[in-house]
Amino acid sequence: MTCELQSTLEASGIEWPALRNHIPSMAHVIQLALGALMSSLGVKGRTESWEDHERDQQFGENESIHIGKSQRL
């Protein structure tokens, strides 16, 4: 998106280097801020994937079976 903005502005005679003026998305900024806050509080993030969590909820943590990517629908 920034490259397209750079092209559009250059067509109007405005110099705006996309790499130097990259605009991060608000969701990413919030994610980084929350990650820093959680790290400073000593909170550890999730180590399992969403699929693993859902499978453990369905089958129970000790009864879960591992499904390979080729077996998923």
PDB file of N, CA and C in Angstrom:
ATOM      1  N   MET A   1       0.818  -1.175   0.000  1.00  0.00           N
ATOM      2  CA  MET A   1       0.000   0.000   0.000  1.00  0.00           C
ATOM      3  C   MET A   1       0.873   1.253   0.000  1.00  0.00           C
ATOM      4  N   THR A   2       1.977   1.227   0.763  1.00  0.00           N
ATOM      5  CA  THR A   2       2.841   2.397   0.803  1.00  0.00           C
ATOM      6  C   THR A   2       3.515   2.640  -0.544  1.00  0.00           C
ATOM      7  N   CYS A   3       3.828   1.565  -1.261  1.00  0.00           N
ATOM      8  CA  CYS A   3       4.431   1.727  -2.587  1.00  0.00           C
ATOM      9  C   CYS A   3       3.441   2.381  -3.552  1.00  0.00           C
ATOM     10  N   GLU A   4       2.185   2.004  -3.456  1.00  0.00           N
ATOM     11  CA  GLU A   4       1.155   2.619  -4.304  1.00  0.00           C
ATOM     12  C   GLU A   4       0.981   4.095  -3.940  1.00  0.00           C
ATOM     13  N   LEU A   5       1.028   4.415  -2.660  1.00  0.00           N
ATOM     14  CA  LEU A   5       0.938   5.801  -2.234  1.00  0.00           C
ATOM     15  C   LEU A   5       2.129   6.599  -2.756  1.00  0.00           C
ATOM     16  N   GLN A   6       3.310   6.007  -2.698  1.00  0.00           N
ATOM     17  CA  GLN A   6       4.508   6.662  -3.222  1.00  0.00           C
ATOM     18  C   GLN A   6       4.349   6.955  -4.708  1.00  0.00           C
ATOM     19  N   SER A   7       3.852   5.982  -5.477  1.00  0.00           N
ATOM     20  CA  SER A   7       3.655   6.176  -6.919  1.00  0.00           C
ATOM     21  C   SER A   7       2.647   7.280  -7.199  1.00  0.00           C
ATOM     22  N   THR A   8       1.562   7.283  -6.454  1.00  0.00           N
ATOM     23  CA  THR A   8       0.521   8.299  -6.642  1.00  0.00           C
ATOM     24  C   THR A   8       1.054   9.696  -6.328  1.00  0.00           C
ATOM     25  N   LEU A   9       1.793   9.816  -5.227  1.00  0.00           N
ATOM     26  CA  LEU A   9       2.346  11.114  -4.858  1.00  0.00           C
ATOM     27  C   LEU A   9       3.422  11.570  -5.842  1.00  0.00           C
ATOM     28  N   GLU A  10       4.250  10.638  -6.317  1.00  0.00           N
ATOM     29  CA  GLU A  10       5.273  10.990  -7.300  1.00  0.00           C
ATOM     30  C   GLU A  10       4.642  11.499  -8.592  1.00  0.00           C
ATOM     31  N   ALA A  11       3.491  10.933  -8.969  1.00  0.00           N
ATOM     32  CA  ALA A  11       2.792  11.403 -10.170  1.00  0.00           C
ATOM     33  C   ALA A  11       2.327  12.849 -10.002  1.00  0.00           C
ATOM     34  N   SER A  12       2.137  13.269  -8.748  1.00  0.00           N
ATOM     35  CA  SER A  12       1.728  14.647  -8.464  1.00  0.00           C
ATOM     36  C   SER A  12       2.918  15.549  -8.171  1.00  0.00           C
ATOM     37  N   GLY A  13       4.129  15.015  -8.296  1.00  0.00           N
ATOM     38  CA  GLY A  13       5.329  15.806  -8.056  1.00  0.00           C
ATOM     39  C   GLY A  13       5.747  15.882  -6.610  1.00  0.00           C
ATOM     40  N   ILE A  14       5.247  15.001  -5.773  1.00  0.00           N
ATOM     41  CA  ILE A  14       5.578  15.005  -4.346  1.00  0.00           C
ATOM     42  C   ILE A  14       6.516  13.842  -4.057  1.00  0.00           C
ATOM     43  N   GLU A  15       7.663  14.151  -3.431  1.00  0.00           N
ATOM     44  CA  GLU A  15       8.601  13.091  -3.070  1.00  0.00           C
ATOM     45  C   GLU A  15       8.205  12.527  -1.706  1.00  0.00           C
ATOM     46  N   TRP A  16       7.941  11.238  -1.667  1.00  0.00           N
ATOM     47  CA  TRP A  16       7.535  10.570  -0.423  1.00  0.00           C
ATOM     48  C   TRP A  16       8.065   9.136  -0.456  1.00  0.00           C
ATOM     49  N   PRO A  17       9.287   8.886   0.070  1.00  0.00           N
ATOM     50  CA  PRO A  17       9.859   7.539   0.031  1.00  0.00           C
ATOM     51  C   PRO A  17       9.095   6.574   0.944  1.00  0.00           C
ATOM     52  N   ALA A  18       8.563   5.538   0.349  1.00  0.00           N
ATOM     53  CA  ALA A  18       7.722   4.588   1.085  1.00  0.00           C
ATOM     54  C   ALA A  18       8.479   3.875   2.205  1.00  0.00           C
ATOM     55  N   LEU A  19       9.716   3.472   1.958  1.00  0.00           N
ATOM     56  CA  LEU A  19      10.460   2.734   2.982  1.00  0.00           C
ATOM     57  C   LEU A  19      10.739   3.589   4.213  1.00  0.00           C
ATOM     58  N   ARG A  20      10.997   4.864   4.006  1.00  0.00           N
ATOM     59  CA  ARG A  20      11.290   5.749   5.137  1.00  0.00           C
ATOM     60  C   ARG A  20      10.019   6.167   5.872  1.00  0.00           C
ATOM     61  N   ASN A  21       8.900   6.217   5.186  1.00  0.00           N
ATOM     62  CA  ASN A  21       7.651   6.712   5.766  1.00  0.00           C
ATOM     63  C   ASN A  21       6.610   5.617   5.949  1.00  0.00           C
ATOM     64  N   HIS A  22       7.067   4.413   6.169  1.00  0.00           N
ATOM     65  CA  HIS A  22       6.124   3.293   6.347  1.00  0.00           C
ATOM     66  C   HIS A  22       5.168   3.592   7.493  1.00  0.00           C
ATOM     67  N   ILE A  23       3.891   3.366   7.257  1.00  0.00           N
ATOM     68  CA  ILE A  23       2.865   3.615   8.268  1.00  0.00           C
ATOM     69  C   ILE A  23       2.357   2.258   8.773  1.00  0.00           C
ATOM     70  N   PRO A  24       2.696   1.869  10.003  1.00  0.00           N
ATOM     71  CA  PRO A  24       2.219   0.574  10.508  1.00  0.00           C
ATOM     72  C   PRO A  24       0.714   0.626  10.775  1.00  0.00           C
ATOM     73  N   SER A  25       0.089  -0.514  10.669  1.00  0.00           N
ATOM     74  CA  SER A  25      -1.347  -0.569  10.943  1.00  0.00           C
ATOM     75  C   SER A  25      -1.597  -0.404  12.439  1.00  0.00           C
ATOM     76  N   MET A  26      -2.753   0.132  12.782  1.00  0.00           N
ATOM     77  CA  MET A  26      -3.085   0.363  14.190  1.00  0.00           C
ATOM     78  C   MET A  26      -3.132  -0.960  14.962  1.00  0.00           C
ATOM     79  N   ALA A  27      -3.639  -2.005  14.326  1.00  0.00           N
ATOM     80  CA  ALA A  27      -3.706  -3.308  15.007  1.00  0.00           C
ATOM     81  C   ALA A  27      -2.309  -3.796  15.361  1.00  0.00           C
ATOM     82  N   HIS A  28      -1.342  -3.592  14.474  1.00  0.00           N
ATOM     83  CA  HIS A  28       0.016  -4.035  14.744  1.00  0.00           C
ATOM     84  C   HIS A  28       0.648  -3.200  15.860  1.00  0.00           C
ATOM     85  N   VAL A  29       0.386  -1.906  15.874  1.00  0.00           N
ATOM     86  CA  VAL A  29       0.901  -1.034  16.932  1.00  0.00           C
ATOM     87  C   VAL A  29       0.341  -1.470  18.290  1.00  0.00           C
ATOM     88  N   ILE A  30      -0.947  -1.775  18.338  1.00  0.00           N
ATOM     89  CA  ILE A  30      -1.571  -2.236  19.584  1.00  0.00           C
ATOM     90  C   ILE A  30      -0.966  -3.567  20.017  1.00  0.00           C
ATOM     91  N   GLN A  31      -0.764  -4.472  19.062  1.00  0.00           N
ATOM     92  CA  GLN A  31      -0.171  -5.776  19.368  1.00  0.00           C
ATOM     93  C   GLN A  31       1.227  -5.602  19.967  1.00  0.00           C
ATOM     94  N   LEU A  32       2.033  -4.733  19.376  1.00  0.00           N
ATOM     95  CA  LEU A  32       3.383  -4.504  19.894  1.00  0.00           C
ATOM     96  C   LEU A  32       3.349  -3.884  21.293  1.00  0.00           C
ATOM     97  N   ALA A  33       2.455  -2.921  21.504  1.00  0.00           N
ATOM     98  CA  ALA A  33       2.348  -2.282  22.813  1.00  0.00           C
ATOM     99  C   ALA A  33       1.894  -3.273  23.881  1.00  0.00           C
ATOM    100  N   LEU A  34       0.900  -4.081  23.559  1.00  0.00           N
ATOM    101  CA  LEU A  34       0.431  -5.074  24.532  1.00  0.00           C
ATOM    102  C   LEU A  34       1.491  -6.130  24.807  1.00  0.00           C
ATOM    103  N   GLY A  35       2.229  -6.512  23.769  1.00  0.00           N
ATOM    104  CA  GLY A  35       3.313  -7.474  23.965  1.00  0.00           C
ATOM    105  C   GLY A  35       4.374  -6.935  24.910  1.00  0.00           C
ATOM    106  N   ALA A  36       4.723  -5.660  24.746  1.00  0.00           N
ATOM    107  CA  ALA A  36       5.713  -5.036  25.632  1.00  0.00           C
ATOM    108  C   ALA A  36       5.179  -4.946  27.059  1.00  0.00           C
ATOM    109  N   LEU A  37       3.909  -4.578  27.211  1.00  0.00           N
ATOM    110  CA  LEU A  37       3.298  -4.503  28.542  1.00  0.00           C
ATOM    111  C   LEU A  37       3.290  -5.865  29.209  1.00  0.00           C
ATOM    112  N   MET A  38       2.841  -6.879  28.482  1.00  0.00           N
ATOM    113  CA  MET A  38       2.775  -8.225  29.059  1.00  0.00           C
ATOM    114  C   MET A  38       4.160  -8.734  29.423  1.00  0.00           C
ATOM    115  N   SER A  39       5.141  -8.426  28.595  1.00  0.00           N
ATOM    116  CA  SER A  39       6.508  -8.836  28.883  1.00  0.00           C
ATOM    117  C   SER A  39       7.029  -8.162  30.148  1.00  0.00           C
ATOM    118  N   SER A  40       6.732  -6.871  30.309  1.00  0.00           N
ATOM    119  CA  SER A  40       7.189  -6.163  31.503  1.00  0.00           C
ATOM    120  C   SER A  40       6.505  -6.674  32.767  1.00  0.00           C
ATOM    121  N   LEU A  41       5.295  -7.215  32.621  1.00  0.00           N
ATOM    122  CA  LEU A  41       4.581  -7.774  33.763  1.00  0.00           C
ATOM    123  C   LEU A  41       4.972  -9.228  34.026  1.00  0.00           C
ATOM    124  N   GLY A  42       5.748  -9.815  33.109  1.00  0.00           N
ATOM    125  CA  GLY A  42       6.183 -11.193  33.272  1.00  0.00           C
ATOM    126  C   GLY A  42       5.158 -12.208  32.808  1.00  0.00           C
ATOM    127  N   VAL A  43       4.183 -11.774  32.021  1.00  0.00           N
ATOM    128  CA  VAL A  43       3.157 -12.672  31.506  1.00  0.00           C
ATOM    129  C   VAL A  43       3.698 -13.380  30.276  1.00  0.00           C
ATOM    130  N   LYS A  44       3.582 -14.689  30.248  1.00  0.00           N
ATOM    131  CA  LYS A  44       4.034 -15.451  29.092  1.00  0.00           C
ATOM    132  C   LYS A  44       2.864 -15.664  28.144  1.00  0.00           C
ATOM    133  N   GLY A  45       3.148 -15.604  26.873  1.00  0.00           N
ATOM    134  CA  GLY A  45       2.116 -15.807  25.862  1.00  0.00           C
ATOM    135  C   GLY A  45       1.810 -17.280  25.672  1.00  0.00           C
ATOM    136  N   ARG A  46       0.821 -17.525  24.863  1.00  0.00           N
ATOM    137  CA  ARG A  46       0.444 -18.898  24.544  1.00  0.00           C
ATOM    138  C   ARG A  46       1.550 -19.589  23.775  1.00  0.00           C
ATOM    139  N   THR A  47       1.769 -20.844  24.083  1.00  0.00           N
ATOM    140  CA  THR A  47       2.787 -21.600  23.367  1.00  0.00           C
ATOM    141  C   THR A  47       2.176 -22.614  22.425  1.00  0.00           C
ATOM    142  N   GLU A  48       0.876 -22.828  22.519  1.00  0.00           N
ATOM    143  CA  GLU A  48       0.232 -23.786  21.629  1.00  0.00           C
ATOM    144  C   GLU A  48      -0.575 -23.055  20.568  1.00  0.00           C
ATOM    145  N   SER A  49      -0.799 -23.728  19.477  1.00  0.00           N
ATOM    146  CA  SER A  49      -1.570 -23.115  18.402  1.00  0.00           C
ATOM    147  C   SER A  49      -3.060 -23.143  18.735  1.00  0.00           C
ATOM    148  N   TRP A  50      -3.826 -22.368  17.992  1.00  0.00           N
ATOM    149  CA  TRP A  50      -5.269 -22.340  18.168  1.00  0.00           C
ATOM    150  C   TRP A  50      -5.855 -23.730  17.938  1.00  0.00           C
ATOM    151  N   GLU A  51      -5.352 -24.431  16.906  1.00  0.00           N
ATOM    152  CA  GLU A  51      -5.865 -25.772  16.615  1.00  0.00           C
ATOM    153  C   GLU A  51      -5.603 -26.728  17.776  1.00  0.00           C
ATOM    154  N   ASP A  52      -4.405 -26.650  18.372  1.00  0.00           N
ATOM    155  CA  ASP A  52      -4.082 -27.507  19.515  1.00  0.00           C
ATOM    156  C   ASP A  52      -4.998 -27.205  20.696  1.00  0.00           C
ATOM    157  N   HIS A  53      -5.247 -25.936  20.943  1.00  0.00           N
ATOM    158  CA  HIS A  53      -6.121 -25.540  22.050  1.00  0.00           C
ATOM    159  C   HIS A  53      -7.534 -26.074  21.828  1.00  0.00           C
ATOM    160  N   GLU A  54      -8.072 -25.901  20.628  1.00  0.00           N
ATOM    161  CA  GLU A  54      -9.428 -26.375  20.327  1.00  0.00           C
ATOM    162  C   GLU A  54      -9.517 -27.893  20.438  1.00  0.00           C
ATOM    163  N   ARG A  55      -8.495 -28.603  19.966  1.00  0.00           N
ATOM    164  CA  ARG A  55      -8.490 -30.058  20.048  1.00  0.00           C
ATOM    165  C   ARG A  55      -8.457 -30.494  21.508  1.00  0.00           C
ATOM    166  N   ASP A  56      -7.633 -29.832  22.326  1.00  0.00           N
ATOM    167  CA  ASP A  56      -7.564 -30.181  23.744  1.00  0.00           C
ATOM    168  C   ASP A  56      -8.891 -29.928  24.443  1.00  0.00           C
ATOM    169  N   GLN A  57      -9.592 -28.866  24.053  1.00  0.00           N
ATOM    170  CA  GLN A  57     -10.904 -28.588  24.631  1.00  0.00           C
ATOM    171  C   GLN A  57     -11.909 -29.664  24.252  1.00  0.00           C
ATOM    172  N   GLN A  58     -11.809 -30.170  23.027  1.00  0.00           N
ATOM    173  CA  GLN A  58     -12.768 -31.168  22.547  1.00  0.00           C
ATOM    174  C   GLN A  58     -12.474 -32.558  23.096  1.00  0.00           C
ATOM    175  N   PHE A  59     -11.200 -32.973  23.085  1.00  0.00           N
ATOM    176  CA  PHE A  59     -10.854 -34.337  23.463  1.00  0.00           C
ATOM    177  C   PHE A  59     -10.302 -34.469  24.872  1.00  0.00           C
ATOM    178  N   GLY A  60     -10.032 -33.384  25.516  1.00  0.00           N
ATOM    179  CA  GLY A  60      -9.372 -33.441  26.817  1.00  0.00           C
ATOM    180  C   GLY A  60      -7.875 -33.387  26.605  1.00  0.00           C
ATOM    181  N   GLU A  61      -7.181 -32.754  27.507  1.00  0.00           N
ATOM    182  CA  GLU A  61      -5.755 -32.508  27.316  1.00  0.00           C
ATOM    183  C   GLU A  61      -4.947 -33.787  27.165  1.00  0.00           C
ATOM    184  N   ASN A  62      -5.261 -34.837  27.920  1.00  0.00           N
ATOM    185  CA  ASN A  62      -4.478 -36.067  27.867  1.00  0.00           C
ATOM    186  C   ASN A  62      -4.944 -37.026  26.780  1.00  0.00           C
ATOM    187  N   GLU A  63      -6.113 -36.804  26.238  1.00  0.00           N
ATOM    188  CA  GLU A  63      -6.655 -37.726  25.238  1.00  0.00           C
ATOM    189  C   GLU A  63      -6.496 -37.219  23.815  1.00  0.00           C
ATOM    190  N   SER A  64      -5.841 -36.070  23.634  1.00  0.00           N
ATOM    191  CA  SER A  64      -5.772 -35.476  22.307  1.00  0.00           C
ATOM    192  C   SER A  64      -4.909 -36.326  21.379  1.00  0.00           C
ATOM    193  N   ILE A  65      -5.308 -36.334  20.132  1.00  0.00           N
ATOM    194  CA  ILE A  65      -4.527 -37.001  19.104  1.00  0.00           C
ATOM    195  C   ILE A  65      -3.960 -35.929  18.196  1.00  0.00           C
ATOM    196  N   HIS A  66      -2.784 -36.144  17.694  1.00  0.00           N
ATOM    197  CA  HIS A  66      -2.174 -35.147  16.820  1.00  0.00           C
ATOM    198  C   HIS A  66      -2.577 -35.446  15.390  1.00  0.00           C
ATOM    199  N   ILE A  67      -3.134 -34.450  14.743  1.00  0.00           N
ATOM    200  CA  ILE A  67      -3.576 -34.573  13.366  1.00  0.00           C
ATOM    201  C   ILE A  67      -2.595 -33.820  12.500  1.00  0.00           C
ATOM    202  N   GLY A  68      -2.042 -34.517  11.508  1.00  0.00           N
ATOM    203  CA  GLY A  68      -1.116 -33.862  10.594  1.00  0.00           C
ATOM    204  C   GLY A  68      -1.839 -32.975   9.624  1.00  0.00           C
ATOM    205  N   LYS A  69      -1.104 -32.078   8.984  1.00  0.00           N
ATOM    206  CA  LYS A  69      -1.716 -31.143   8.045  1.00  0.00           C
ATOM    207  C   LYS A  69      -2.386 -31.878   6.906  1.00  0.00           C
ATOM    208  N   SER A  70      -1.849 -33.005   6.494  1.00  0.00           N
ATOM    209  CA  SER A  70      -2.438 -33.737   5.372  1.00  0.00           C
ATOM    210  C   SER A  70      -3.764 -34.386   5.749  1.00  0.00           C
ATOM    211  N   GLN A  71      -4.035 -34.548   7.048  1.00  0.00           N
ATOM    212  CA  GLN A  71      -5.279 -35.183   7.484  1.00  0.00           C
ATOM    213  C   GLN A  71      -6.374 -34.176   7.784  1.00  0.00           C
ATOM    214  N   ARG A  72      -6.029 -32.885   7.819  1.00  0.00           N
ATOM    215  CA  ARG A  72      -7.034 -31.859   8.102  1.00  0.00           C
ATOM    216  C   ARG A  72      -7.850 -31.582   6.856  1.00  0.00           C
ATOM    217  N   LEU A  73      -9.071 -31.158   7.050  1.00  0.00           N
ATOM    218  CA  LEU A  73      -9.906 -30.786   5.919  1.00  0.00           C
ATOM    219  C   LEU A  73      -9.727 -29.356   5.555  1.00  0.00           C
TER     220      LEU A  73
END
